[in-house]
């Protein structure tokens, strides 16, 4: 005779918790909350509940729910009516297209457990709250904040004027130039992971002070007539001697792929500056090319492997669009 439980609530807690991880908090509480006291306690004990609010549900308000104080990850799209003070336990907050109202709340809210903050593009031409938000981020206004993704372009005009912050360990930014790169390294002395896009205006700056704590860097850039020259990449790599993981995303719009047969894939710079490197991943996205010769692609891969046959793992990932 089968001894398996015949009713859902008889399933062991371990199995229920495993099942619950596939539910959004909204659906989870609507389906199972108040069925019985055991399920209520189990739902309230979950540590990583997530809630996503999209603009096509703009009439929906998160304050209507009983579970806001349990939310760990909160994702908010544009034009969602929200009161952040209800989310006292939020650890990860992602504003995809923040409104001025949302940014104002972020400036005024305490959010004592916030560890990761992501700010997308704000829709208005100007927002008075961007400087105040940057000031709060880099002055320990969020006492547990460790990771920031700041994709609002005007932030780049403000960050270089902030006081250094020892609490930011992960920083992801959109387009920056070398001077901003230098400022951000100084601003975040404990930074361990840094992701950014390189702007096309290739200027040179004086030698950048070494940043000894950076372990992982992700650089993205676009190539039009030629790929990024060594002279530019040299300035980005020369000041991060303790880098262990390096990831490059190159988007090739117009460069003839034959050019890569004579390209050194920054191997000499890596050998010169990154003696502690463990892994290199080079993602090359090829657009608008009329010729995609398999033989040339094979030669590119062979040369890449030869140039990076050192004391680190390397991989060239080619993508055609």
Protein backbone atom coordinates (compact mmCIF):
# COMPACT_ATOMS: atom_id res chain seq x y z
CA UNK A 1 0.00 0.00 0.00
CA UNK A 2 1.35 3.42 -0.91
CA UNK A 3 2.43 5.52 2.07
CA UNK A 4 2.95 8.74 0.12
CA UNK A 5 0.93 11.72 1.44
CA UNK A 6 -2.40 12.05 -0.31
CA UNK A 7 -2.82 15.76 0.44
CA UNK A 8 -0.59 18.67 -0.50
CA UNK A 9 -0.23 20.02 3.03
CA UNK A 10 1.15 16.71 4.21
CA UNK A 11 4.26 17.09 2.08
CA UNK A 12 7.45 17.70 4.10
CA UNK A 13 8.66 21.27 4.54
CA UNK A 14 11.82 20.62 2.54
CA UNK A 15 9.82 19.62 -0.53
CA UNK A 16 7.38 22.51 -0.18
CA UNK A 17 10.23 25.01 0.10
CA UNK A 18 11.78 23.53 -3.04
CA UNK A 19 8.47 23.94 -4.89
CA UNK A 20 7.86 27.47 -3.60
CA UNK A 21 11.08 28.80 -5.14
CA UNK A 22 9.41 28.66 -8.58
CA UNK A 23 6.65 31.08 -7.54
CA UNK A 24 6.55 34.86 -7.52
CA UNK A 25 5.65 36.11 -4.04
CA UNK A 26 2.31 37.45 -5.28
CA UNK A 27 1.24 34.10 -6.72
CA UNK A 28 2.68 32.17 -3.79
CA UNK A 29 0.76 34.06 -1.11
CA UNK A 30 -2.44 34.22 -3.12
CA UNK A 31 -2.36 30.45 -3.62
CA UNK A 32 -1.22 29.19 -0.22
CA UNK A 33 -1.49 31.86 2.46
CA UNK A 34 -4.23 31.36 5.09
CA UNK A 35 -4.86 27.76 4.06
CA UNK A 36 -3.57 26.69 7.46
CA UNK A 37 -1.20 27.89 10.17
CA UNK A 38 1.61 25.57 9.09
CA UNK A 39 1.70 26.96 5.54
CA UNK A 40 1.50 30.50 6.90
CA UNK A 41 4.56 29.94 9.08
CA UNK A 42 6.38 28.24 6.23
CA UNK A 43 5.72 31.13 3.83
CA UNK A 44 6.82 33.66 6.42
CA UNK A 45 10.07 31.76 6.95
CA UNK A 46 11.15 31.92 3.30
CA UNK A 47 14.29 34.03 2.93
CA UNK A 48 14.43 34.82 -0.79
CA UNK A 49 10.94 35.85 -1.86
CA UNK A 50 10.84 37.98 -5.01
CA UNK A 51 8.17 40.30 -6.40
CA UNK A 52 8.08 41.85 -9.87
CA UNK A 53 5.70 44.72 -10.69
CA UNK A 54 5.28 45.62 -14.37
CA UNK A 55 3.75 48.69 -15.98
CA UNK A 56 1.03 46.70 -17.73
CA UNK A 57 -0.29 46.09 -14.21
CA UNK A 58 0.00 49.78 -13.36
CA UNK A 59 -3.35 49.76 -11.53
CA UNK A 60 -1.91 47.23 -9.13
CA UNK A 61 -0.42 48.55 -5.90
CA UNK A 62 1.94 46.42 -3.87
CA UNK A 63 0.58 47.90 -0.62
CA UNK A 64 -2.54 45.77 -1.11
CA UNK A 65 -0.58 42.64 -0.24
CA UNK A 66 0.08 41.14 3.18
CA UNK A 67 3.53 39.87 2.25
CA UNK A 68 5.47 43.06 1.44
CA UNK A 69 7.48 42.83 4.66
CA UNK A 70 8.81 39.41 3.55
CA UNK A 71 10.08 40.45 0.11
CA UNK A 72 13.81 39.89 -0.44
CA UNK A 73 14.06 40.94 -4.13
CA UNK A 74 11.84 43.69 -5.55
CA UNK A 75 11.77 44.50 -9.28
CA UNK A 76 9.79 47.58 -10.35
CA UNK A 77 9.00 48.69 -13.87
CA UNK A 78 8.01 52.20 -14.98
CA UNK A 79 4.87 53.93 -13.63
CA UNK A 80 4.09 51.46 -10.85
CA UNK A 81 2.47 52.96 -7.76
CA UNK A 82 4.74 51.87 -4.94
CA UNK A 83 5.54 52.71 -1.33
CA UNK A 84 9.02 51.45 -0.51
CA UNK A 85 8.44 51.85 3.21
CA UNK A 86 6.30 48.69 3.10
CA UNK A 87 9.32 46.63 2.00
CA UNK A 88 11.28 46.72 5.24
CA UNK A 89 13.16 43.49 4.49
CA UNK A 90 14.16 44.14 0.88
CA UNK A 91 17.77 43.15 0.13
CA UNK A 92 17.76 43.60 -3.65
CA UNK A 93 15.95 46.49 -5.36
CA UNK A 94 15.83 46.83 -9.15
CA UNK A 95 14.23 49.91 -10.73
CA UNK A 96 14.07 49.14 -14.45
CA UNK A 97 12.84 52.57 -15.62
CA UNK A 98 12.53 54.69 -12.49
CA UNK A 99 10.19 57.63 -12.23
CA UNK A 100 10.95 60.78 -10.26
CA UNK A 101 8.49 59.61 -7.62
CA UNK A 102 10.29 56.30 -7.22
CA UNK A 103 13.68 58.01 -6.96
CA UNK A 104 12.34 60.48 -4.40
CA UNK A 105 11.10 57.58 -2.29
CA UNK A 106 14.46 55.88 -2.59
CA UNK A 107 16.19 59.00 -1.29
CA UNK A 108 13.77 59.28 1.64
CA UNK A 109 13.44 55.58 2.54
CA UNK A 110 15.69 53.89 5.08
CA UNK A 111 15.86 50.31 3.66
CA UNK A 112 18.23 49.02 6.37
CA UNK A 113 18.85 45.62 4.71
CA UNK A 114 19.42 46.77 1.13
CA UNK A 115 22.51 45.06 -0.32
CA UNK A 116 22.05 45.51 -4.09
CA UNK A 117 20.56 48.49 -5.93
CA UNK A 118 20.01 48.71 -9.69
CA UNK A 119 18.93 51.99 -11.31
CA UNK A 120 17.90 51.92 -14.97
CA UNK A 121 17.23 54.86 -17.28
CA UNK A 122 14.95 57.51 -15.83
CA UNK A 123 12.37 58.69 -18.36
CA UNK A 124 12.44 62.43 -17.73
CA UNK A 125 14.98 64.83 -19.14
CA UNK A 126 16.03 65.95 -15.68
CA UNK A 127 15.45 64.70 -12.17
CA UNK A 128 16.38 66.63 -9.03
CA UNK A 129 16.80 63.43 -7.03
CA UNK A 130 19.76 61.93 -8.92
CA UNK A 131 22.43 63.94 -6.99
CA UNK A 132 20.75 63.20 -3.65
CA UNK A 133 20.55 59.51 -4.50
CA UNK A 134 24.24 59.36 -5.39
CA UNK A 135 25.09 61.17 -2.17
CA UNK A 136 23.08 58.63 -0.19
CA UNK A 137 24.65 55.64 -1.96
CA UNK A 138 28.23 56.77 -1.42
CA UNK A 139 27.82 58.12 2.11
CA UNK A 140 26.57 54.89 3.70
CA UNK A 141 22.96 56.04 3.54
CA UNK A 142 22.13 52.39 2.88
CA UNK A 143 24.23 50.78 5.64
CA UNK A 144 24.43 47.30 4.08
CA UNK A 145 24.73 48.27 0.42
CA UNK A 146 27.53 46.38 -1.34
CA UNK A 147 26.54 46.26 -5.00
CA UNK A 148 25.27 48.93 -7.42
CA UNK A 149 24.20 48.88 -11.05
CA UNK A 150 23.81 52.50 -12.15
CA UNK A 151 22.73 52.89 -15.77
CA UNK A 152 21.31 56.40 -15.57
CA UNK A 153 23.78 58.42 -17.75
CA UNK A 154 23.68 61.62 -15.65
CA UNK A 155 25.09 59.70 -12.71
CA UNK A 156 28.47 59.79 -14.44
CA UNK A 157 28.55 63.58 -14.09
CA UNK A 158 27.94 63.31 -10.35
CA UNK A 159 29.97 60.32 -9.16
CA UNK A 160 33.44 61.90 -9.61
CA UNK A 161 32.44 64.57 -7.08
CA UNK A 162 31.42 62.09 -4.36
CA UNK A 163 33.53 61.24 -1.32
CA UNK A 164 35.18 57.77 -1.40
CA UNK A 165 33.04 54.88 -0.19
CA UNK A 166 34.53 51.75 1.36
CA UNK A 167 31.30 49.76 1.24
CA UNK A 168 30.81 49.31 -2.54
CA UNK A 169 32.31 46.04 -3.77
CA UNK A 170 30.44 45.55 -7.05
CA UNK A 171 29.78 48.38 -9.52
CA UNK A 172 28.14 48.20 -12.95
CA UNK A 173 28.02 51.35 -15.06
CA UNK A 174 26.99 52.19 -18.61
CA UNK A 175 29.27 54.32 -20.83
CA UNK A 176 32.40 55.84 -19.29
CA UNK A 177 35.62 57.43 -20.46
CA UNK A 178 39.10 57.10 -18.98
CA UNK A 179 38.79 60.07 -16.66
CA UNK A 180 35.54 58.69 -15.22
CA UNK A 181 37.19 55.28 -14.93
CA UNK A 182 39.98 56.83 -12.88
CA UNK A 183 37.48 58.69 -10.68
CA UNK A 184 35.42 55.57 -10.00
CA UNK A 185 38.44 53.51 -9.00
CA UNK A 186 39.37 56.23 -6.51
CA UNK A 187 35.78 56.52 -5.34
CA UNK A 188 35.50 52.79 -4.53
CA UNK A 189 38.82 51.63 -3.02
CA UNK A 190 37.37 48.23 -2.02
CA UNK A 191 35.81 47.54 -5.40
CA UNK A 192 36.25 43.89 -6.41
CA UNK A 193 34.00 43.68 -9.51
CA UNK A 194 33.68 46.44 -12.13
CA UNK A 195 31.60 46.37 -15.33
CA UNK A 196 31.36 49.23 -17.84
CA UNK A 197 31.13 50.25 -21.49
CA UNK A 198 34.00 52.17 -23.09
CA UNK A 199 32.98 55.38 -24.84
CA UNK A 200 34.24 56.11 -28.34
CA UNK A 201 36.05 59.33 -27.39
CA UNK A 202 39.50 57.82 -26.84
CA UNK A 203 41.43 60.32 -24.76
CA UNK A 204 44.61 59.74 -22.82
CA UNK A 205 45.09 60.55 -19.16
CA UNK A 206 48.09 60.56 -16.88
CA UNK A 207 49.04 57.32 -15.17
CA UNK A 208 46.16 56.06 -13.05
CA UNK A 209 46.87 55.15 -9.44
CA UNK A 210 46.87 51.33 -9.05
CA UNK A 211 43.72 49.77 -7.64
CA UNK A 212 44.83 46.67 -5.74
CA UNK A 213 41.46 45.19 -4.74
CA UNK A 214 39.83 44.78 -8.15
CA UNK A 215 39.58 41.06 -8.98
CA UNK A 216 37.01 40.90 -11.78
CA UNK A 217 36.45 43.31 -14.67
CA UNK A 218 33.95 43.24 -17.54
CA UNK A 219 34.62 45.66 -20.40
CA UNK A 220 32.24 46.25 -23.30
CA UNK A 221 32.96 48.26 -26.44
CA UNK A 222 31.82 48.69 -30.05
CA UNK A 223 34.08 48.43 -33.10
CA UNK A 224 33.29 50.28 -36.30
CA UNK A 225 36.27 50.80 -38.60
CA UNK A 226 38.86 49.12 -36.39
CA UNK A 227 38.82 47.30 -33.10
CA UNK A 228 39.92 48.96 -29.87
CA UNK A 229 43.63 49.86 -30.05
CA UNK A 230 46.13 48.55 -27.53
CA UNK A 231 47.01 52.09 -26.48
CA UNK A 232 43.50 52.55 -25.06
CA UNK A 233 43.17 49.14 -23.45
CA UNK A 234 46.61 49.62 -21.92
CA UNK A 235 45.35 52.48 -19.76
CA UNK A 236 42.47 50.40 -18.45
CA UNK A 237 44.65 47.40 -17.59
CA UNK A 238 47.81 49.04 -16.32
CA UNK A 239 46.25 50.08 -13.00
CA UNK A 240 44.57 46.79 -11.98
CA UNK A 241 47.52 44.42 -11.35
CA UNK A 242 45.59 41.97 -9.16
CA UNK A 243 42.86 41.21 -11.67
CA UNK A 244 41.92 37.51 -11.68
CA UNK A 245 38.98 37.40 -14.10
CA UNK A 246 38.75 39.50 -17.25
CA UNK A 247 35.78 39.44 -19.60
CA UNK A 248 35.57 41.40 -22.88
CA UNK A 249 32.44 41.98 -24.96
CA UNK A 250 33.24 43.43 -28.38
CA UNK A 251 30.41 44.31 -30.77
CA UNK A 252 31.80 44.45 -34.31
CA UNK A 253 29.61 46.49 -36.63
CA UNK A 254 31.82 47.21 -39.65
CA UNK A 255 35.27 45.75 -39.06
CA UNK A 256 36.31 43.22 -41.69
CA UNK A 257 36.81 39.93 -39.87
CA UNK A 258 40.09 39.45 -41.76
CA UNK A 259 41.48 42.24 -39.60
CA UNK A 260 41.37 39.85 -36.65
CA UNK A 261 43.94 37.57 -38.30
CA UNK A 262 46.59 40.20 -37.46
CA UNK A 263 45.02 41.22 -34.16
CA UNK A 264 46.93 40.26 -31.00
CA UNK A 265 43.75 40.08 -28.85
CA UNK A 266 45.42 42.26 -26.17
CA UNK A 267 47.70 39.34 -25.30
CA UNK A 268 50.84 41.44 -24.80
CA UNK A 269 49.01 43.82 -22.47
CA UNK A 270 47.58 40.97 -20.43
CA UNK A 271 51.00 39.37 -20.18
CA UNK A 272 52.51 42.69 -19.14
CA UNK A 273 49.94 43.86 -16.58
CA UNK A 274 47.84 40.91 -15.37
CA UNK A 275 50.24 38.37 -13.92
CA UNK A 276 47.57 37.03 -11.52
CA UNK A 277 44.91 36.46 -14.18
CA UNK A 278 43.04 33.15 -13.87
CA UNK A 279 40.47 33.43 -16.65
CA UNK A 280 39.89 35.41 -19.85
CA UNK A 281 36.61 35.28 -21.79
CA UNK A 282 36.43 37.22 -25.05
CA UNK A 283 32.93 37.56 -26.54
CA UNK A 284 32.95 38.82 -30.13
CA UNK A 285 29.59 39.76 -31.69
CA UNK A 286 29.81 40.20 -35.47
CA UNK A 287 27.17 42.37 -37.18
CA UNK A 288 26.64 43.54 -40.77
CA UNK A 289 29.39 41.39 -42.21
CA UNK A 290 28.89 40.15 -45.76
CA UNK A 291 31.52 37.47 -45.47
CA UNK A 292 31.63 34.90 -42.72
CA UNK A 293 34.28 32.48 -43.91
CA UNK A 294 34.50 29.39 -41.70
CA UNK A 295 38.18 29.06 -42.52
CA UNK A 296 38.89 32.60 -41.30
CA UNK A 297 36.90 31.93 -38.15
CA UNK A 298 38.95 28.81 -37.53
CA UNK A 299 42.20 30.75 -38.02
CA UNK A 300 40.99 33.41 -35.59
CA UNK A 301 40.33 30.81 -32.91
CA UNK A 302 43.67 29.09 -33.46
CA UNK A 303 45.54 32.38 -33.18
CA UNK A 304 43.61 33.40 -30.08
CA UNK A 305 44.44 30.10 -28.36
CA UNK A 306 48.09 30.43 -29.33
CA UNK A 307 48.40 34.00 -28.07
CA UNK A 308 46.68 33.23 -24.78
CA UNK A 309 48.39 29.93 -24.09
CA UNK A 310 49.64 31.10 -20.71
CA UNK A 311 48.94 30.43 -17.06
CA UNK A 312 45.26 31.33 -17.31
CA UNK A 313 42.21 29.79 -18.93
CA UNK A 314 41.07 31.59 -22.08
CA UNK A 315 38.10 31.30 -24.37
CA UNK A 316 36.96 33.08 -27.53
CA UNK A 317 33.17 33.07 -27.99
CA UNK A 318 31.97 34.13 -31.45
CA UNK A 319 28.39 35.22 -32.11
CA UNK A 320 26.98 36.30 -35.45
CA UNK A 321 23.89 38.49 -35.83
